[in-house]
């Protein structure tokens, strides 16, 4: 991370430390199942997911599309406001 003062910019090159979209999808599905089965699990809150393209990607738009499709199918309803019933 570094700054470019004359542009009033901060550059973050840390990247995403993640096991990948498949692992995120699996975790969201597991949490959704737990939230449906156990009333003590808070399943009605918002879930935020940061998507990023692969570092070596030749088609960033395709990477974002694949990531959104996979995470979007992880159990959320179409509004994104709760777990699908």
Protein backbone atom coordinates (compact mmCIF):
# COMPACT_ATOMS: atom_id res chain seq x y z
CA UNK A 1 0.00 0.00 0.00
CA UNK A 2 1.33 3.41 -0.87
CA UNK A 3 0.22 6.97 -1.53
CA UNK A 4 0.63 9.33 -4.46
CA UNK A 5 0.19 12.67 -2.67
CA UNK A 6 -0.02 14.83 -5.79
CA UNK A 7 -3.02 12.74 -6.96
CA UNK A 8 -4.46 12.39 -3.45
CA UNK A 9 -4.44 8.64 -4.12
CA UNK A 10 -3.87 5.53 -2.04
CA UNK A 11 -2.87 2.41 -3.96
CA UNK A 12 -3.67 -0.97 -2.41
CA UNK A 13 -1.87 -3.91 -3.96
CA UNK A 14 -2.52 -6.39 -1.18
CA UNK A 15 -4.95 -8.42 -3.25
CA UNK A 16 -7.54 -10.79 -1.83
CA UNK A 17 -6.22 -13.47 0.47
CA UNK A 18 -8.81 -16.13 -0.18
CA UNK A 19 -9.24 -19.79 -0.95
CA UNK A 20 -11.28 -18.74 -3.98
CA UNK A 21 -14.87 -18.37 -5.12
CA UNK A 22 -15.66 -22.09 -4.76
CA UNK A 23 -14.67 -22.04 -1.08
CA UNK A 24 -16.70 -18.86 -0.49
CA UNK A 25 -19.72 -20.45 -2.18
CA UNK A 26 -19.36 -23.58 -0.02
CA UNK A 27 -19.11 -21.48 3.16
CA UNK A 28 -22.19 -19.43 2.24
CA UNK A 29 -24.19 -22.57 1.48
CA UNK A 30 -23.16 -24.14 4.79
CA UNK A 31 -24.11 -21.00 6.69
CA UNK A 32 -27.45 -20.81 4.87
CA UNK A 33 -28.25 -24.40 5.79
CA UNK A 34 -27.29 -23.75 9.41
CA UNK A 35 -29.38 -20.56 9.51
CA UNK A 36 -32.45 -22.44 8.23
CA UNK A 37 -32.00 -25.33 10.67
CA UNK A 38 -31.15 -23.42 13.85
CA UNK A 39 -33.29 -20.45 14.91
CA UNK A 40 -30.45 -19.18 17.09
CA UNK A 41 -28.24 -18.59 14.06
CA UNK A 42 -28.69 -15.10 12.70
CA UNK A 43 -29.52 -15.68 9.04
CA UNK A 44 -31.41 -12.52 8.22
CA UNK A 45 -28.52 -10.04 8.10
CA UNK A 46 -26.64 -8.77 5.11
CA UNK A 47 -23.70 -10.68 3.70
CA UNK A 48 -21.06 -8.76 1.78
CA UNK A 49 -18.74 -10.44 -0.68
CA UNK A 50 -15.84 -8.75 -2.46
CA UNK A 51 -15.26 -10.06 -5.96
CA UNK A 52 -11.99 -9.67 -7.79
CA UNK A 53 -10.56 -10.95 -11.02
CA UNK A 54 -7.80 -13.50 -11.04
CA UNK A 55 -4.35 -11.92 -11.19
CA UNK A 56 -3.44 -13.75 -14.38
CA UNK A 57 -6.84 -13.30 -16.02
CA UNK A 58 -7.10 -12.38 -19.68
CA UNK A 59 -10.84 -11.59 -19.38
CA UNK A 60 -11.72 -9.65 -16.22
CA UNK A 61 -15.41 -9.35 -17.16
CA UNK A 62 -15.70 -13.13 -17.41
CA UNK A 63 -14.00 -13.57 -14.02
CA UNK A 64 -16.45 -11.15 -12.37
CA UNK A 65 -19.39 -12.85 -14.08
CA UNK A 66 -18.30 -16.32 -12.94
CA UNK A 67 -17.70 -15.09 -9.39
CA UNK A 68 -21.06 -13.34 -9.17
CA UNK A 69 -22.93 -16.32 -10.60
CA UNK A 70 -21.31 -18.78 -8.19
CA UNK A 71 -21.68 -16.69 -5.07
CA UNK A 72 -25.16 -15.57 -6.13
CA UNK A 73 -26.33 -19.18 -6.27
CA UNK A 74 -25.07 -19.90 -2.75
CA UNK A 75 -28.50 -19.78 -1.15
CA UNK A 76 -29.48 -16.13 -1.17
CA UNK A 77 -32.91 -15.22 -2.45
CA UNK A 78 -33.15 -13.02 -5.53
CA UNK A 79 -33.39 -9.80 -3.51
CA UNK A 80 -30.15 -10.62 -1.72
CA UNK A 81 -31.93 -9.86 1.54
CA UNK A 82 -32.22 -13.31 3.06
CA UNK A 83 -31.74 -17.02 2.62
CA UNK A 84 -33.91 -18.68 -0.01
CA UNK A 85 -36.61 -20.85 1.52
